[in-house]
Amino acid sequence: MYLKGCIWFRPSGTPLRGWIELDGPMIGDCGIGAPPAPAAFDAGDAIIMPAFIDAHTHLPQFDAIGCDRGALLPWLDKAIYPAEESWQNESHATGRARAALSRLKENGTLAAAVWLTSHAHGARTVVEANASFNLRLRAGVVAMDRGAPQALLQRAESYELPTSTGEVEFSVNPRFAPACTREMLERCASLSRHRRAWIQTHLAEQREECELVRSLFPEAAHYTDVYDRVGLIGPRTLLAHCLHLSREEWMVLVQRCAVAVHCPVANAFLGSGLFDLRLARARGGRVALGSDVGAGSAIAMPDVARAMIDQAKIRRAVVDPSAWVPTPADAIDMITRGNADALNWPDLGRIERGCTANLLVVEAPFDRDGDFAGRLLYEWGRCRITQWIVAGRVTER
């Protein structure tokens, strides 16, 4: 099956008239000009581009977007833990997970690293919910054994890693150090090591959180050391935020090849701080980009990418004149192939032979000029996704 339209092969380029051959769920071939055979799908003047990838989002928190309850710790107590407690009912949880995944797809995100709640039925919830969408997910049931309502806590020895199924790969998700005893962190590290599973957690989002960690883990050299000394930091670790890290902590992340997930919209909402992209790049750190719904209010990854650029400009203007500011092409690259590479999904985020055909057909109401990436990023609200190509299958809304 051939598709034809304006193909956006590279974020640094402009869309070109071309074609894509679908071979089942994969891209068999692609090129510029007329397709080798009649096209079964003609996008006309619309853009065919890689679908977006979100490196950090919480499905149970989609219903808590905009719940402003102050800084991180009181916000968790007053807004997030109550929202997650409502998922105790499995049928309710499955319905809300389906609604959240629908919103991800609607906004062009066809792959994501997602968080569930701490309930034991979380694995069934996400597998059943995703059956309607077939999104690529790295999903984790939350692990925590203190600092939250009793209904959300579990004993370290009872925390288990579900078996991955289809497009849902399960990860180990210790919420963050203040919510986990050393026993829980060790349990998570052991599960990840024996099952070669990915790890998702949070690190140094706010200064008050860092101070709490120092009081809870006085034996650790710093926050990062809390995770590192039990074996939770490595090339399969996603660490959300990483705002308040020392140079020594950055060196640990770099040496262990861990991924720092920048969440600019959430950082602004909770007043957490400005991520230091220049320092991360200078140290050779791996950086991905996440929406972090529900602290993040933007589900569409172009909106998250734009926030990254805007905050980098603010940092350069008021904090560090040498701060690195990504270009729009850099930002689009990050939410497609960049996030795919950070999450070890090299078959996603690009239009190339042999890659999975997760694509978007987008109507963009402006010229295909030299500033196409910037126009798409800053006028995303005027763009309209008309079709989604999920693992080679063309679908409507």
Protein backbone atom coordinates (compact mmCIF):
# COMPACT_ATOMS: atom_id res chain seq x y z
CA MET A 1 0.00 0.00 0.00
CA TYR A 2 1.32 3.43 -0.98
CA LEU A 3 0.63 6.77 0.67
CA LYS A 4 1.37 10.04 -1.03
CA GLY A 5 1.34 13.66 0.11
CA CYS A 6 3.74 16.27 1.45
CA ILE A 7 6.22 14.14 3.39
CA TRP A 8 8.16 15.79 6.21
CA PHE A 9 11.25 13.59 6.30
CA ARG A 10 13.42 15.83 8.53
CA PRO A 11 12.48 18.56 11.06
CA SER A 12 15.28 20.76 9.66
CA GLY A 13 13.82 20.54 6.15
CA THR A 14 10.52 21.35 4.50
CA PRO A 15 7.81 18.88 3.47
CA LEU A 16 8.34 17.48 -0.02
CA ARG A 17 5.94 15.81 -2.42
CA GLY A 18 6.61 12.15 -1.99
CA TRP A 19 5.41 8.71 -1.05
CA ILE A 20 5.56 6.04 1.64
CA GLU A 21 5.13 2.32 1.06
CA LEU A 22 3.44 0.48 3.92
CA ASP A 23 4.47 -3.12 4.43
CA GLY A 24 2.14 -4.30 7.18
CA PRO A 25 3.00 -2.25 10.29
CA MET A 26 6.32 -1.12 8.81
CA ILE A 27 7.58 1.41 6.28
CA GLY A 28 8.75 -0.72 3.37
CA ASP A 29 10.23 2.19 1.44
CA CYS A 30 9.77 5.92 0.89
CA GLY A 31 10.90 8.58 -1.54
CA ILE A 32 10.39 11.90 -3.28
CA GLY A 33 8.17 12.37 -6.33
CA ALA A 34 5.45 10.07 -7.64
CA PRO A 35 5.06 6.64 -6.02
CA PRO A 36 6.15 3.55 -7.99
CA ALA A 37 2.52 2.38 -8.10
CA PRO A 38 -0.89 4.05 -7.65
CA ALA A 39 -1.39 5.30 -4.10
CA ALA A 40 -4.20 3.81 -2.04
CA PHE A 41 -4.14 6.91 0.19
CA ASP A 42 -3.63 10.45 -1.10
CA ALA A 43 -3.15 13.13 1.56
CA GLY A 44 -3.23 15.88 -1.06
CA ASP A 45 -1.66 19.05 0.34
CA ALA A 46 -1.66 17.74 3.90
CA ILE A 47 1.58 16.91 5.71
CA ILE A 48 2.56 13.33 6.54
CA MET A 49 4.96 13.37 9.48
CA PRO A 50 6.17 11.10 12.31
CA ALA A 51 3.82 10.82 15.28
CA PHE A 52 4.86 12.34 18.61
CA ILE A 53 6.34 10.52 21.59
CA ASP A 54 5.85 11.59 25.22
CA ALA A 55 8.63 10.53 27.60
CA HIS A 56 6.70 11.16 30.84
CA THR A 57 2.98 11.37 31.60
CA HIS A 58 0.54 10.12 34.28
CA LEU A 59 -2.71 8.60 32.97
CA PRO A 60 -4.58 8.89 36.33
CA GLN A 61 -3.79 12.62 36.48
CA PHE A 62 -5.52 13.65 33.23
CA ASP A 63 -8.60 14.42 35.32
CA ALA A 64 -6.53 16.65 37.62
CA ILE A 65 -5.16 19.05 34.98
CA GLY A 66 -5.34 22.60 36.29
CA CYS A 67 -5.83 21.65 39.96
CA ASP A 68 -3.62 24.33 41.46
CA ARG A 69 -2.84 23.38 45.05
CA GLY A 70 0.51 25.08 45.48
CA ALA A 71 3.95 23.51 45.35
CA LEU A 72 4.74 19.85 44.67
CA LEU A 73 4.22 18.25 48.08
CA PRO A 74 0.89 19.92 49.01
CA TRP A 75 -0.29 19.47 45.41
CA LEU A 76 0.28 15.73 45.69
CA ASP A 77 -1.63 15.55 48.98
CA LYS A 78 -4.57 17.75 47.95
CA ALA A 79 -5.02 17.03 44.24
CA ILE A 80 -3.12 13.99 42.99
CA TYR A 81 -3.46 11.36 45.65
CA PRO A 82 -7.26 11.83 45.77
CA ALA A 83 -7.38 11.54 41.97
CA GLU A 84 -5.38 8.33 42.08
CA GLU A 85 -7.46 6.88 44.91
CA SER A 86 -10.50 7.05 42.62
CA TRP A 87 -8.84 4.38 40.43
CA GLN A 88 -9.35 1.82 43.18
CA ASN A 89 -12.43 0.67 41.25
CA GLU A 90 -11.07 -1.33 38.31
CA SER A 91 -13.89 -0.61 35.85
CA HIS A 92 -13.64 3.11 36.61
CA ALA A 93 -9.86 2.93 36.17
CA THR A 94 -10.14 1.21 32.81
CA GLY A 95 -12.63 3.80 31.56
CA ARG A 96 -10.50 6.73 32.69
CA ALA A 97 -7.35 5.14 31.24
CA ARG A 98 -9.17 4.72 27.93
CA ALA A 99 -10.20 8.39 28.01
CA ALA A 100 -6.60 9.48 28.73
CA LEU A 101 -5.18 7.33 25.91
CA SER A 102 -7.83 8.74 23.57
CA ARG A 103 -6.62 12.25 24.38
CA LEU A 104 -3.02 11.24 23.74
CA LYS A 105 -3.93 9.88 20.31
CA GLU A 106 -6.16 12.86 19.51
CA ASN A 107 -3.16 15.12 20.11
CA GLY A 108 -0.83 13.07 17.94
CA THR A 109 1.02 11.06 20.62
CA LEU A 110 1.17 7.43 19.51
CA ALA A 111 3.89 6.29 21.94
CA ALA A 112 4.54 7.27 25.55
CA ALA A 113 6.18 6.39 28.85
CA VAL A 114 3.20 6.42 31.20
CA TRP A 115 2.45 6.08 34.90
CA LEU A 116 -0.50 4.24 36.41
CA THR A 117 -1.58 4.16 40.07
CA SER A 118 -0.29 1.80 42.75
CA HIS A 119 -3.31 -0.51 42.49
CA ALA A 120 -2.62 -4.14 41.67
CA HIS A 121 -5.09 -4.09 38.77
CA GLY A 122 -3.12 -1.33 37.01
CA ALA A 123 -1.60 -3.74 34.49
CA ARG A 124 -4.98 -5.09 33.38
CA THR A 125 -6.32 -1.55 33.30
CA VAL A 126 -3.82 -0.23 30.78
CA VAL A 127 -3.74 -3.36 28.60
CA GLU A 128 -7.53 -3.41 28.30
CA ALA A 129 -7.73 0.35 27.74
CA ASN A 130 -5.05 0.30 25.05
CA ALA A 131 -6.75 -2.44 23.04
CA SER A 132 -8.77 0.26 21.27
CA PHE A 133 -5.72 2.36 20.34
CA ASN A 134 -2.65 0.12 19.96
CA LEU A 135 -0.33 2.87 21.22
CA ARG A 136 3.28 1.94 22.07
CA LEU A 137 3.46 2.25 25.86
CA ARG A 138 6.08 1.83 28.53
CA ALA A 139 3.80 1.68 31.56
CA GLY A 140 4.52 1.37 35.27
CA VAL A 141 2.43 0.58 38.33
CA VAL A 142 3.49 3.06 41.03
CA ALA A 143 5.61 1.73 43.90
CA MET A 144 5.39 3.56 47.23
CA ASP A 145 5.20 2.48 50.84
CA ARG A 146 5.04 5.74 52.83
CA GLY A 147 3.99 9.38 52.74
CA ALA A 148 0.62 8.89 51.03
CA PRO A 149 -2.91 7.70 51.86
CA GLN A 150 -3.00 4.10 53.08
CA ALA A 151 -5.10 3.04 50.08
CA LEU A 152 -2.19 3.87 47.77
CA LEU A 153 0.56 2.14 49.74
CA GLN A 154 1.89 -1.39 49.41
CA ARG A 155 4.56 -3.42 51.14
CA ALA A 156 7.90 -3.63 49.38
CA GLU A 157 7.77 -7.43 49.19
CA SER A 158 4.35 -7.32 47.53
CA TYR A 159 5.36 -5.00 44.68
CA GLU A 160 5.54 -6.99 41.44
CA LEU A 161 6.44 -6.34 37.81
CA PRO A 162 3.65 -7.44 35.42
CA THR A 163 4.44 -9.36 32.25
CA SER A 164 4.60 -7.16 29.16
CA THR A 165 1.82 -7.76 26.64
CA GLY A 166 1.60 -6.64 23.01
CA GLU A 167 2.35 -2.94 22.73
CA VAL A 168 2.44 -2.46 26.52
CA GLU A 169 5.86 -2.94 28.10
CA PHE A 170 5.87 -2.71 31.88
CA SER A 171 8.46 -0.74 33.82
CA VAL A 172 9.32 -0.40 37.51
CA ASN A 173 8.05 2.95 38.86
CA PRO A 174 9.15 4.00 42.35
CA ARG A 175 7.24 7.26 42.70
CA PHE A 176 10.09 9.28 44.20
CA ALA A 177 12.44 8.90 47.15
CA PRO A 178 10.17 10.56 49.78
CA ALA A 179 7.43 8.00 49.04
CA CYS A 180 9.73 4.97 49.22
CA THR A 181 11.69 3.35 52.01
CA ARG A 182 15.10 1.91 51.22
CA GLU A 183 13.44 -1.52 51.16
CA MET A 184 11.04 -0.42 48.42
CA LEU A 185 13.84 1.13 46.37
CA GLU A 186 15.88 -2.06 46.69
CA ARG A 187 12.85 -4.13 45.66
CA CYS A 188 12.40 -2.00 42.53
CA ALA A 189 16.08 -2.26 41.65
CA SER A 190 16.01 -6.03 42.08
CA LEU A 191 12.95 -6.43 39.84
CA SER A 192 14.48 -4.22 37.16
CA ARG A 193 17.79 -6.09 37.29
CA HIS A 194 16.31 -9.58 37.07
CA ARG A 195 13.73 -8.73 34.41
CA ARG A 196 15.87 -6.18 32.52
CA ALA A 197 12.99 -3.76 32.93
CA TRP A 198 13.09 0.00 32.53
CA ILE A 199 12.80 2.26 35.57
CA GLN A 200 10.75 5.45 35.76
CA THR A 201 10.97 7.84 38.70
CA HIS A 202 11.26 11.52 39.66
CA LEU A 203 14.38 13.36 40.73
CA ALA A 204 15.00 16.82 42.21
CA GLU A 205 11.82 18.51 41.03
CA GLN A 206 11.64 21.10 43.85
CA ARG A 207 14.02 22.35 46.54
CA GLU A 208 11.64 21.42 49.38
CA GLU A 209 11.56 17.87 48.04
CA CYS A 210 15.38 17.76 48.00
CA GLU A 211 15.47 18.94 51.61
CA LEU A 212 13.00 16.23 52.60
CA VAL A 213 15.15 13.61 50.89
CA ARG A 214 18.20 14.78 52.85
CA SER A 215 16.31 14.28 56.11
CA LEU A 216 14.96 10.86 55.11
CA PHE A 217 18.24 9.51 53.70
CA PRO A 218 21.01 11.18 55.76
CA GLU A 219 23.50 8.51 54.71
CA ALA A 220 23.29 9.54 51.01
CA ALA A 221 25.73 12.03 49.51
CA HIS A 222 22.90 13.71 47.58
CA TYR A 223 19.46 12.96 46.12
CA THR A 224 20.86 11.12 43.10
CA ASP A 225 22.94 8.94 45.41
CA VAL A 226 19.77 7.66 47.08
CA TYR A 227 18.84 5.95 43.83
CA ASP A 228 22.36 5.16 42.69
CA ARG A 229 23.47 3.28 45.80
CA VAL A 230 20.64 0.74 45.37
CA GLY A 231 21.21 0.33 41.61
CA LEU A 232 18.28 2.33 40.23
CA ILE A 233 20.29 4.54 37.86
CA GLY A 234 21.41 3.11 34.54
CA PRO A 235 20.80 3.27 30.77
CA ARG A 236 17.21 2.07 31.24
CA THR A 237 16.30 4.77 33.79
CA LEU A 238 13.98 7.72 33.06
CA LEU A 239 14.37 10.50 35.64
CA ALA A 240 11.71 13.19 35.41
CA HIS A 241 12.64 16.85 36.07
CA CYS A 242 16.28 16.88 37.30
CA LEU A 243 16.02 20.61 38.02
CA HIS A 244 18.10 20.98 41.18
CA LEU A 245 21.13 18.79 40.57
CA SER A 246 24.73 19.52 41.44
CA ARG A 247 27.48 18.98 38.88
CA GLU A 248 28.41 15.81 40.75
CA GLU A 249 24.90 14.50 40.33
CA TRP A 250 24.93 15.25 36.62
CA MET A 251 28.15 13.29 36.34
CA VAL A 252 26.44 10.27 37.92
CA LEU A 253 23.65 10.46 35.34
CA VAL A 254 26.14 10.78 32.50
CA GLN A 255 28.34 7.94 33.74
CA ARG A 256 25.32 5.67 34.14
CA CYS A 257 23.81 6.77 30.75
CA ALA A 258 20.49 7.59 32.45
CA VAL A 259 17.86 9.81 30.78
CA ALA A 260 16.77 13.14 32.29
CA VAL A 261 13.20 13.90 31.19
CA HIS A 262 12.60 17.64 30.90
CA CYS A 263 8.97 18.63 31.70
CA PRO A 264 8.78 22.39 31.06
CA VAL A 265 5.01 22.91 31.30
CA ALA A 266 4.79 21.10 34.62
CA ASN A 267 7.85 22.94 35.93
CA ALA A 268 6.12 26.25 35.25
CA PHE A 269 2.78 25.17 36.73
CA LEU A 270 4.31 24.08 40.04
CA GLY A 271 6.90 26.86 40.09
CA SER A 272 9.68 24.30 40.22
CA GLY A 273 12.44 26.05 38.27
CA LEU A 274 14.14 26.32 34.87
CA PHE A 275 15.89 23.26 33.47
CA ASP A 276 19.54 23.79 32.52
CA LEU A 277 19.76 22.49 28.97
CA ARG A 278 23.25 23.91 28.50
CA LEU A 279 24.65 22.06 31.50
CA ALA A 280 22.98 18.83 30.46
CA ARG A 281 24.47 19.13 26.96
CA ALA A 282 27.88 20.17 28.25
CA ARG A 283 28.02 17.11 30.47
CA GLY A 284 26.92 14.84 27.65
CA GLY A 285 23.64 13.97 29.33
CA ARG A 286 20.76 12.19 27.63
CA VAL A 287 17.65 14.40 27.67
CA ALA A 288 14.08 13.58 26.65
CA LEU A 289 10.91 15.68 26.77
CA GLY A 290 7.70 14.91 28.66
CA SER A 291 4.29 16.50 29.17
CA ASP A 292 4.02 15.37 32.82
CA VAL A 293 0.25 15.59 32.82
CA GLY A 294 -1.37 16.42 35.26
CA ALA A 295 1.12 19.04 36.55
CA GLY A 296 1.57 19.67 32.86
CA SER A 297 -1.51 21.20 31.28
CA ALA A 298 -0.40 20.59 27.67
CA ILE A 299 -1.10 17.17 26.19
CA ALA A 300 0.06 18.05 22.66
CA MET A 301 3.80 17.56 22.44
CA PRO A 302 4.32 20.57 20.11
CA ASP A 303 2.99 22.75 22.95
CA VAL A 304 5.44 21.09 25.34
CA ALA A 305 8.30 21.59 22.88
CA ARG A 306 7.40 25.26 22.47
CA ALA A 307 7.43 25.68 26.25
CA MET A 308 10.93 24.20 26.30
CA ILE A 309 12.15 26.86 23.86
CA ASP A 310 10.36 29.69 25.66
CA GLN A 311 11.78 28.72 29.05
CA ALA A 312 15.27 28.36 27.59
CA LYS A 313 14.97 31.92 26.27
CA ILE A 314 13.87 33.13 29.70
CA ARG A 315 16.81 31.36 31.29
CA ARG A 316 19.18 33.00 28.81
CA ALA A 317 17.64 36.43 29.43
CA VAL A 318 17.53 36.43 33.24
CA VAL A 319 19.82 33.65 34.57
CA ASP A 320 22.54 32.58 32.17
CA PRO A 321 23.49 34.54 29.01
CA SER A 322 25.19 31.39 27.69
CA ALA A 323 22.06 29.23 28.07
CA TRP A 324 21.39 27.00 25.07
CA VAL A 325 18.12 27.67 23.24
CA PRO A 326 16.87 24.88 20.96
CA THR A 327 15.65 25.79 17.49
CA PRO A 328 12.13 24.76 16.45
CA ALA A 329 13.71 22.00 14.36
CA ASP A 330 15.62 20.81 17.44
CA ALA A 331 12.37 20.77 19.40
CA ILE A 332 10.42 18.82 16.75
CA ASP A 333 13.30 16.38 16.51
CA MET A 334 13.19 15.88 20.29
CA ILE A 335 9.49 14.96 20.38
CA THR A 336 9.91 12.49 17.50
CA ARG A 337 13.22 10.69 16.89
CA GLY A 338 14.92 12.19 19.97
CA ASN A 339 12.41 10.77 22.43
CA ALA A 340 12.32 7.52 20.43
CA ASP A 341 16.07 7.10 20.81
CA ALA A 342 16.01 8.06 24.52
CA LEU A 343 13.36 5.40 25.17
CA ASN A 344 15.19 2.84 23.01
CA TRP A 345 12.50 2.76 20.34
CA PRO A 346 14.75 3.27 17.29
CA ASP A 347 11.96 2.20 14.93
CA LEU A 348 9.78 5.17 15.90
CA GLY A 349 9.90 8.93 15.36
CA ARG A 350 11.14 8.91 11.78
CA ILE A 351 10.11 8.19 8.21
CA GLU A 352 12.68 5.68 7.04
CA ARG A 353 12.70 2.23 5.51
CA GLY A 354 12.26 -0.47 8.16
CA CYS A 355 10.64 1.80 10.78
CA THR A 356 7.21 1.27 12.31
CA ALA A 357 4.62 3.35 10.47
CA ASN A 358 3.34 5.54 13.30
CA LEU A 359 2.47 8.68 11.37
CA LEU A 360 0.18 11.71 11.38
CA VAL A 361 -1.63 13.41 8.52
CA VAL A 362 -1.77 17.10 9.42
CA GLU A 363 -3.46 20.03 7.71
CA ALA A 364 -1.19 23.05 8.27
CA PRO A 365 -2.77 26.36 7.14
CA PHE A 366 0.45 28.14 6.13
CA ASP A 367 3.13 28.05 3.43
CA ARG A 368 5.83 25.40 3.28
CA ASP A 369 8.56 28.01 3.65
CA GLY A 370 11.99 27.86 5.27
CA ASP A 371 10.46 28.39 8.72
CA PHE A 372 8.12 25.41 8.55
CA ALA A 373 9.23 23.88 11.87
CA GLY A 374 8.74 27.19 13.69
CA ARG A 375 5.40 27.83 12.04
CA LEU A 376 4.12 24.38 12.95
CA LEU A 377 5.39 24.66 16.52
CA TYR A 378 4.03 28.13 17.25
CA GLU A 379 0.79 27.75 15.28
CA TRP A 380 0.02 24.20 16.31
CA GLY A 381 -3.42 25.26 17.53
CA ARG A 382 -4.36 26.09 13.92
CA CYS A 383 -3.18 22.70 12.63
CA ARG A 384 -5.55 19.77 12.41
CA ILE A 385 -4.74 16.07 12.51
CA THR A 386 -7.07 14.39 10.00
CA GLN A 387 -5.75 10.82 10.03
CA TRP A 388 -3.59 8.70 12.29
CA ILE A 389 -1.50 5.86 10.90
CA VAL A 390 -0.93 3.46 13.79
CA ALA A 391 1.41 0.56 13.02
CA GLY A 392 0.55 0.84 9.33
CA ARG A 393 -3.22 1.16 9.72
CA VAL A 394 -4.91 4.37 8.63
CA THR A 395 -7.55 5.43 11.15
CA GLU A 396 -9.90 8.36 11.55
CA ARG A 397 -10.74 10.08 14.83
